[in-house]
Amino acid sequence: MRAAALVVVLVLLPWRAIAATCSEAVPVEEGLVAPCSGLLVPPDEATHAIECLRLRLPECRSRGELDRARLSADLEAQRKIAAIERSRAEVLSRELDKAARTIDPPPLWKHPAIWGSVGLVVGSFATVYLITRIDPPR
């Protein structure tokens, strides 16, 4: 009974392959046990990966360097534009302050409240005059 239990436990335990990690490429024939553990890649995918490394990686690097140079030039241009706009804003601020100091307040007789009051007084007197002229008091 103990032997049967031991066999059941050994069969049901999750076993991992006990092998060293591959340090170099090793060809594995079908049906044979691999001498080490690692990623198995079919020959056509391996050829494609090597081709990508050999041909496309330098192209990708050169494209990345070109993009990096273009972006650094754009960044430098944006920094220059920001500096120009800052100096322009400072000049405009100084000009506005200078203009605000040189403007005198308008004379009192140009103020709308004065003209409103004058209009009210003249209108009242005109109304009273017309009422007394058309319909004199008895």
N, C-alpha and C. Protein backbone atom coordinates (compact mmCIF):
# COMPACT_ATOMS: atom_id res chain seq x y z
N MET A 1 0.82 -1.19 0.00
CA MET A 1 0.00 0.00 0.00
C MET A 1 0.87 1.26 0.00
N ARG A 2 1.91 1.21 0.79
CA ARG A 2 2.82 2.36 0.85
C ARG A 2 3.48 2.58 -0.50
N ALA A 3 3.82 1.56 -1.17
CA ALA A 3 4.47 1.68 -2.47
C ALA A 3 3.52 2.30 -3.49
N ALA A 4 2.25 1.91 -3.46
CA ALA A 4 1.27 2.47 -4.37
C ALA A 4 1.06 3.96 -4.09
N ALA A 5 1.02 4.34 -2.83
CA ALA A 5 0.85 5.74 -2.46
C ALA A 5 2.05 6.57 -2.91
N LEU A 6 3.25 5.97 -2.75
CA LEU A 6 4.46 6.66 -3.17
C LEU A 6 4.48 6.86 -4.68
N VAL A 7 4.05 5.89 -5.44
CA VAL A 7 4.00 5.99 -6.89
C VAL A 7 2.98 7.07 -7.31
N VAL A 8 1.82 7.09 -6.66
CA VAL A 8 0.78 8.09 -6.97
C VAL A 8 1.30 9.50 -6.69
N VAL A 9 1.98 9.67 -5.55
CA VAL A 9 2.50 10.98 -5.19
C VAL A 9 3.57 11.41 -6.18
N LEU A 10 4.46 10.51 -6.56
CA LEU A 10 5.52 10.85 -7.50
C LEU A 10 4.97 11.18 -8.89
N VAL A 11 3.90 10.52 -9.29
CA VAL A 11 3.32 10.78 -10.60
C VAL A 11 2.56 12.11 -10.60
N LEU A 12 1.88 12.43 -9.53
CA LEU A 12 1.04 13.62 -9.49
C LEU A 12 1.80 14.91 -9.16
N LEU A 13 2.99 14.81 -8.64
CA LEU A 13 3.76 16.02 -8.33
C LEU A 13 4.15 16.74 -9.62
N PRO A 14 4.10 18.07 -9.62
CA PRO A 14 4.52 18.81 -10.81
C PRO A 14 6.04 18.81 -10.92
N TRP A 15 6.54 18.03 -11.85
CA TRP A 15 7.99 17.90 -12.01
C TRP A 15 8.48 18.89 -13.04
N ARG A 16 9.62 19.48 -12.80
CA ARG A 16 10.26 20.35 -13.76
C ARG A 16 11.47 19.63 -14.30
N ALA A 17 11.81 19.97 -15.51
CA ALA A 17 12.99 19.37 -16.11
C ALA A 17 14.22 19.87 -15.37
N ILE A 18 15.08 18.98 -15.00
CA ILE A 18 16.29 19.37 -14.28
C ILE A 18 17.40 19.37 -15.31
N ALA A 19 17.75 20.57 -15.77
CA ALA A 19 18.80 20.72 -16.77
C ALA A 19 19.40 22.10 -16.62
N ALA A 20 20.63 22.23 -16.99
CA ALA A 20 21.31 23.51 -16.93
C ALA A 20 20.82 24.41 -18.06
N THR A 21 20.88 25.71 -17.86
CA THR A 21 20.49 26.67 -18.90
C THR A 21 21.52 26.62 -20.02
N CYS A 22 21.03 26.67 -21.26
CA CYS A 22 21.91 26.62 -22.42
C CYS A 22 22.80 27.85 -22.47
N SER A 23 24.08 27.64 -22.67
CA SER A 23 25.01 28.76 -22.80
C SER A 23 25.35 29.02 -24.26
N GLU A 24 25.06 28.09 -25.13
CA GLU A 24 25.30 28.26 -26.56
C GLU A 24 24.25 27.46 -27.32
N ALA A 25 24.14 27.72 -28.62
CA ALA A 25 23.16 27.01 -29.44
C ALA A 25 23.54 25.54 -29.57
N VAL A 26 22.55 24.69 -29.37
CA VAL A 26 22.78 23.25 -29.46
C VAL A 26 21.69 22.67 -30.36
N PRO A 27 22.06 21.94 -31.41
CA PRO A 27 21.03 21.32 -32.25
C PRO A 27 20.40 20.13 -31.51
N VAL A 28 19.08 20.04 -31.58
CA VAL A 28 18.36 18.95 -30.92
C VAL A 28 17.58 18.21 -31.99
N GLU A 29 17.85 16.94 -32.10
CA GLU A 29 17.13 16.10 -33.06
C GLU A 29 15.79 15.69 -32.47
N GLU A 30 14.85 15.44 -33.35
CA GLU A 30 13.52 15.04 -32.90
C GLU A 30 13.60 13.70 -32.19
N GLY A 31 12.92 13.62 -31.02
CA GLY A 31 12.87 12.39 -30.26
C GLY A 31 13.98 12.28 -29.22
N LEU A 32 14.98 13.14 -29.25
CA LEU A 32 16.06 13.09 -28.28
C LEU A 32 15.80 14.09 -27.15
N VAL A 33 16.44 13.83 -26.03
CA VAL A 33 16.32 14.71 -24.87
C VAL A 33 17.31 15.86 -25.05
N ALA A 34 16.85 17.06 -24.78
CA ALA A 34 17.71 18.22 -24.91
C ALA A 34 18.76 18.22 -23.81
N PRO A 35 20.01 18.57 -24.11
CA PRO A 35 21.06 18.56 -23.10
C PRO A 35 20.98 19.72 -22.12
N CYS A 36 20.20 20.74 -22.45
CA CYS A 36 20.07 21.89 -21.56
C CYS A 36 18.69 22.50 -21.75
N SER A 37 18.32 23.44 -20.87
CA SER A 37 17.00 24.06 -20.98
C SER A 37 17.14 25.44 -21.61
N GLY A 38 16.09 25.87 -22.27
CA GLY A 38 16.11 27.17 -22.93
C GLY A 38 15.00 27.25 -23.95
N LEU A 39 15.09 28.20 -24.84
CA LEU A 39 14.08 28.44 -25.86
C LEU A 39 14.43 27.68 -27.13
N LEU A 40 13.51 26.88 -27.61
CA LEU A 40 13.70 26.19 -28.87
C LEU A 40 13.05 27.00 -29.98
N VAL A 41 13.81 27.27 -31.02
CA VAL A 41 13.33 28.08 -32.13
C VAL A 41 13.49 27.27 -33.41
N PRO A 42 12.45 27.22 -34.24
CA PRO A 42 12.57 26.51 -35.50
C PRO A 42 13.63 27.18 -36.39
N PRO A 43 14.25 26.42 -37.31
CA PRO A 43 15.33 26.97 -38.13
C PRO A 43 14.94 28.20 -38.95
N ASP A 44 13.73 28.22 -39.52
CA ASP A 44 13.35 29.38 -40.33
C ASP A 44 13.18 30.63 -39.48
N GLU A 45 12.67 30.50 -38.26
CA GLU A 45 12.55 31.65 -37.36
C GLU A 45 13.92 32.11 -36.89
N ALA A 46 14.83 31.18 -36.66
CA ALA A 46 16.19 31.54 -36.26
C ALA A 46 16.88 32.31 -37.39
N THR A 47 16.69 31.84 -38.64
CA THR A 47 17.28 32.54 -39.78
C THR A 47 16.71 33.94 -39.91
N HIS A 48 15.41 34.06 -39.72
CA HIS A 48 14.75 35.36 -39.79
C HIS A 48 15.28 36.29 -38.68
N ALA A 49 15.45 35.77 -37.47
CA ALA A 49 15.95 36.57 -36.35
C ALA A 49 17.38 37.05 -36.62
N ILE A 50 18.21 36.17 -37.16
CA ILE A 50 19.59 36.56 -37.47
C ILE A 50 19.61 37.61 -38.57
N GLU A 51 18.74 37.45 -39.58
CA GLU A 51 18.66 38.43 -40.65
C GLU A 51 18.23 39.79 -40.10
N CYS A 52 17.27 39.78 -39.19
CA CYS A 52 16.82 41.04 -38.57
C CYS A 52 17.97 41.69 -37.80
N LEU A 53 18.69 40.91 -37.06
CA LEU A 53 19.81 41.46 -36.30
C LEU A 53 20.88 42.03 -37.23
N ARG A 54 21.16 41.31 -38.28
CA ARG A 54 22.25 41.70 -39.17
C ARG A 54 21.87 42.88 -40.06
N LEU A 55 20.64 42.90 -40.59
CA LEU A 55 20.26 43.92 -41.57
C LEU A 55 19.44 45.06 -40.98
N ARG A 56 18.42 44.73 -40.24
CA ARG A 56 17.49 45.77 -39.80
C ARG A 56 17.93 46.51 -38.55
N LEU A 57 18.73 45.90 -37.72
CA LEU A 57 19.16 46.57 -36.50
C LEU A 57 20.00 47.81 -36.81
N PRO A 58 20.99 47.74 -37.70
CA PRO A 58 21.72 48.98 -38.03
C PRO A 58 20.81 50.05 -38.64
N GLU A 59 19.87 49.61 -39.49
CA GLU A 59 18.93 50.56 -40.08
C GLU A 59 18.08 51.22 -38.99
N CYS A 60 17.65 50.43 -38.04
CA CYS A 60 16.84 50.93 -36.94
C CYS A 60 17.66 51.90 -36.08
N ARG A 61 18.91 51.55 -35.82
CA ARG A 61 19.78 52.43 -35.04
C ARG A 61 19.99 53.76 -35.75
N SER A 62 20.25 53.70 -37.07
CA SER A 62 20.48 54.95 -37.81
C SER A 62 19.21 55.79 -37.85
N ARG A 63 18.06 55.14 -37.98
CA ARG A 63 16.81 55.87 -37.95
C ARG A 63 16.59 56.51 -36.57
N GLY A 64 16.93 55.76 -35.52
CA GLY A 64 16.81 56.30 -34.17
C GLY A 64 17.74 57.48 -33.94
N GLU A 65 18.97 57.40 -34.47
CA GLU A 65 19.90 58.52 -34.33
C GLU A 65 19.40 59.73 -35.11
N LEU A 66 18.84 59.50 -36.29
CA LEU A 66 18.28 60.59 -37.08
C LEU A 66 17.10 61.24 -36.35
N ASP A 67 16.22 60.42 -35.79
CA ASP A 67 15.09 60.95 -35.03
C ASP A 67 15.57 61.74 -33.82
N ARG A 68 16.58 61.21 -33.13
CA ARG A 68 17.13 61.89 -31.95
C ARG A 68 17.70 63.25 -32.35
N ALA A 69 18.44 63.31 -33.47
CA ALA A 69 19.01 64.57 -33.93
C ALA A 69 17.91 65.55 -34.33
N ARG A 70 16.89 65.05 -35.02
CA ARG A 70 15.78 65.91 -35.43
C ARG A 70 15.03 66.45 -34.21
N LEU A 71 14.80 65.60 -33.22
CA LEU A 71 14.09 66.05 -32.02
C LEU A 71 14.91 67.03 -31.20
N SER A 72 16.23 66.81 -31.14
CA SER A 72 17.05 67.76 -30.40
C SER A 72 17.08 69.11 -31.11
N ALA A 73 17.07 69.11 -32.45
CA ALA A 73 17.01 70.37 -33.19
C ALA A 73 15.67 71.06 -32.95
N ASP A 74 14.58 70.29 -32.95
CA ASP A 74 13.26 70.86 -32.68
C ASP A 74 13.20 71.43 -31.26
N LEU A 75 13.77 70.70 -30.32
CA LEU A 75 13.78 71.17 -28.93
C LEU A 75 14.56 72.48 -28.81
N GLU A 76 15.70 72.56 -29.45
CA GLU A 76 16.50 73.78 -29.42
C GLU A 76 15.75 74.94 -30.07
N ALA A 77 15.06 74.67 -31.18
CA ALA A 77 14.27 75.71 -31.84
C ALA A 77 13.14 76.19 -30.92
N GLN A 78 12.48 75.26 -30.25
CA GLN A 78 11.39 75.64 -29.34
C GLN A 78 11.92 76.45 -28.16
N ARG A 79 13.10 76.10 -27.68
CA ARG A 79 13.70 76.88 -26.58
C ARG A 79 14.01 78.30 -27.04
N LYS A 80 14.54 78.44 -28.27
CA LYS A 80 14.83 79.77 -28.80
C LYS A 80 13.55 80.58 -28.98
N ILE A 81 12.51 79.93 -29.50
CA ILE A 81 11.23 80.61 -29.68
C ILE A 81 10.68 81.06 -28.32
N ALA A 82 10.79 80.21 -27.31
CA ALA A 82 10.30 80.57 -25.98
C ALA A 82 11.08 81.76 -25.42
N ALA A 83 12.40 81.77 -25.63
CA ALA A 83 13.20 82.90 -25.14
C ALA A 83 12.81 84.19 -25.86
N ILE A 84 12.60 84.11 -27.18
CA ILE A 84 12.18 85.29 -27.94
C ILE A 84 10.82 85.79 -27.45
N GLU A 85 9.89 84.89 -27.23
CA GLU A 85 8.57 85.28 -26.77
C GLU A 85 8.62 85.88 -25.37
N ARG A 86 9.50 85.34 -24.50
CA ARG A 86 9.65 85.91 -23.16
C ARG A 86 10.16 87.34 -23.24
N SER A 87 11.19 87.56 -24.08
CA SER A 87 11.73 88.92 -24.20
C SER A 87 10.69 89.86 -24.83
N ARG A 88 9.92 89.36 -25.77
CA ARG A 88 8.85 90.17 -26.39
C ARG A 88 7.80 90.54 -25.36
N ALA A 89 7.44 89.59 -24.49
CA ALA A 89 6.45 89.87 -23.45
C ALA A 89 6.99 90.91 -22.46
N GLU A 90 8.27 90.84 -22.14
CA GLU A 90 8.85 91.83 -21.23
C GLU A 90 8.83 93.22 -21.86
N VAL A 91 9.19 93.32 -23.14
CA VAL A 91 9.18 94.61 -23.82
C VAL A 91 7.76 95.17 -23.87
N LEU A 92 6.79 94.33 -24.22
CA LEU A 92 5.40 94.79 -24.27
C LEU A 92 4.91 95.23 -22.90
N SER A 93 5.30 94.53 -21.85
CA SER A 93 4.91 94.90 -20.50
C SER A 93 5.49 96.26 -20.12
N ARG A 94 6.76 96.48 -20.47
CA ARG A 94 7.38 97.78 -20.18
C ARG A 94 6.68 98.89 -20.96
N GLU A 95 6.37 98.63 -22.22
CA GLU A 95 5.70 99.63 -23.04
C GLU A 95 4.31 99.96 -22.49
N LEU A 96 3.58 98.93 -22.05
CA LEU A 96 2.25 99.17 -21.48
C LEU A 96 2.34 99.96 -20.18
N ASP A 97 3.31 99.66 -19.34
CA ASP A 97 3.50 100.42 -18.11
C ASP A 97 3.82 101.88 -18.42
N LYS A 98 4.70 102.08 -19.39
CA LYS A 98 5.09 103.43 -19.78
C LYS A 98 3.88 104.19 -20.34
N ALA A 99 3.08 103.53 -21.17
CA ALA A 99 1.90 104.18 -21.75
C ALA A 99 0.87 104.48 -20.67
N ALA A 100 0.73 103.60 -19.70
CA ALA A 100 -0.25 103.82 -18.63
C ALA A 100 0.16 105.01 -17.77
N ARG A 101 1.46 105.24 -17.59
CA ARG A 101 1.93 106.37 -16.79
C ARG A 101 1.76 107.69 -17.53
N THR A 102 1.81 107.69 -18.86
CA THR A 102 1.73 108.93 -19.61
C THR A 102 0.31 109.38 -19.90
N ILE A 103 -0.68 108.53 -19.73
CA ILE A 103 -2.07 108.89 -20.01
C ILE A 103 -2.63 109.68 -18.83
N ASP A 104 -3.11 110.90 -19.12
CA ASP A 104 -3.74 111.72 -18.10
C ASP A 104 -5.21 111.34 -18.00
N PRO A 105 -5.78 111.47 -16.82
CA PRO A 105 -7.21 111.17 -16.72
C PRO A 105 -8.01 112.21 -17.50
N PRO A 106 -9.16 111.86 -18.03
CA PRO A 106 -9.95 112.82 -18.82
C PRO A 106 -10.44 113.96 -17.93
N PRO A 107 -10.68 115.12 -18.53
CA PRO A 107 -11.20 116.24 -17.72
C PRO A 107 -12.58 115.91 -17.17
N LEU A 108 -12.93 116.60 -16.12
CA LEU A 108 -14.17 116.31 -15.40
C LEU A 108 -15.40 116.52 -16.27
N TRP A 109 -15.37 117.52 -17.16
CA TRP A 109 -16.55 117.80 -17.97
C TRP A 109 -16.81 116.74 -19.03
N LYS A 110 -15.85 115.78 -19.23
CA LYS A 110 -16.08 114.69 -20.18
C LYS A 110 -16.64 113.43 -19.51
N HIS A 111 -16.81 113.49 -18.21
CA HIS A 111 -17.29 112.30 -17.49
C HIS A 111 -18.79 112.10 -17.74
N PRO A 112 -19.23 110.87 -18.00
CA PRO A 112 -20.65 110.62 -18.32
C PRO A 112 -21.59 110.98 -17.18
N ALA A 113 -21.14 110.86 -15.94
CA ALA A 113 -22.03 111.20 -14.82
C ALA A 113 -22.38 112.67 -14.82
N ILE A 114 -21.41 113.50 -15.20
CA ILE A 114 -21.67 114.94 -15.26
C ILE A 114 -22.72 115.24 -16.32
N TRP A 115 -22.58 114.65 -17.51
CA TRP A 115 -23.54 114.89 -18.59
C TRP A 115 -24.91 114.31 -18.26
N GLY A 116 -24.93 113.22 -17.55
CA GLY A 116 -26.23 112.68 -17.12
C GLY A 116 -26.93 113.61 -16.17
N SER A 117 -26.18 114.18 -15.24
CA SER A 117 -26.77 115.13 -14.28
C SER A 117 -27.24 116.39 -14.98
N VAL A 118 -26.41 116.91 -15.91
CA VAL A 118 -26.81 118.11 -16.65
C VAL A 118 -28.07 117.83 -17.46
N GLY A 119 -28.15 116.69 -18.08
CA GLY A 119 -29.34 116.33 -18.86
C GLY A 119 -30.57 116.22 -17.99
N LEU A 120 -30.44 115.69 -16.79
CA LEU A 120 -31.57 115.57 -15.87
C LEU A 120 -32.06 116.95 -15.45
N VAL A 121 -31.12 117.83 -15.12
CA VAL A 121 -31.52 119.18 -14.67
C VAL A 121 -32.16 119.95 -15.82
N VAL A 122 -31.55 119.95 -17.01
CA VAL A 122 -32.10 120.68 -18.16
C VAL A 122 -33.46 120.11 -18.55
N GLY A 123 -33.59 118.78 -18.54
CA GLY A 123 -34.87 118.16 -18.88
C GLY A 123 -35.94 118.52 -17.88
N SER A 124 -35.60 118.56 -16.60
CA SER A 124 -36.58 118.91 -15.57
C SER A 124 -37.05 120.35 -15.74
N PHE A 125 -36.08 121.27 -15.94
CA PHE A 125 -36.46 122.67 -16.14
C PHE A 125 -37.28 122.85 -17.40
N ALA A 126 -36.95 122.14 -18.48
CA ALA A 126 -37.71 122.27 -19.72
C ALA A 126 -39.13 121.75 -19.53
N THR A 127 -39.29 120.66 -18.80
CA THR A 127 -40.60 120.09 -18.55
C THR A 127 -41.45 121.07 -17.73
N VAL A 128 -40.87 121.63 -16.67
CA VAL A 128 -41.62 122.57 -15.82
C VAL A 128 -41.98 123.81 -16.63
N TYR A 129 -41.08 124.31 -17.44
CA TYR A 129 -41.33 125.50 -18.25
C TYR A 129 -42.46 125.24 -19.23
N LEU A 130 -42.41 124.11 -19.93
CA LEU A 130 -43.45 123.81 -20.91
C LEU A 130 -44.81 123.60 -20.26
N ILE A 131 -44.83 122.99 -19.13
CA ILE A 131 -46.11 122.76 -18.43
C ILE A 131 -46.70 124.10 -18.00
N THR A 132 -45.83 124.99 -17.48
CA THR A 132 -46.35 126.29 -17.05
C THR A 132 -46.74 127.18 -18.22
N ARG A 133 -46.16 127.02 -19.36
CA ARG A 133 -46.49 127.85 -20.54
C ARG A 133 -47.76 127.33 -21.21
N ILE A 134 -47.94 126.05 -21.30
CA ILE A 134 -49.09 125.48 -22.00
C ILE A 134 -50.32 125.55 -21.10
N ASP A 135 -50.14 125.14 -19.86
CA ASP A 135 -51.27 125.11 -18.94
C ASP A 135 -50.88 125.92 -17.70
N PRO A 136 -51.08 127.25 -17.70
CA PRO A 136 -50.65 128.05 -16.56
C PRO A 136 -51.47 127.71 -15.31
N PRO A 137 -50.82 127.82 -14.16
CA PRO A 137 -51.56 127.49 -12.92
C PRO A 137 -52.69 128.53 -12.67
N ARG A 138 -53.76 128.17 -12.01
CA ARG A 138 -54.92 129.04 -11.80
C ARG A 138 -55.00 129.54 -10.45
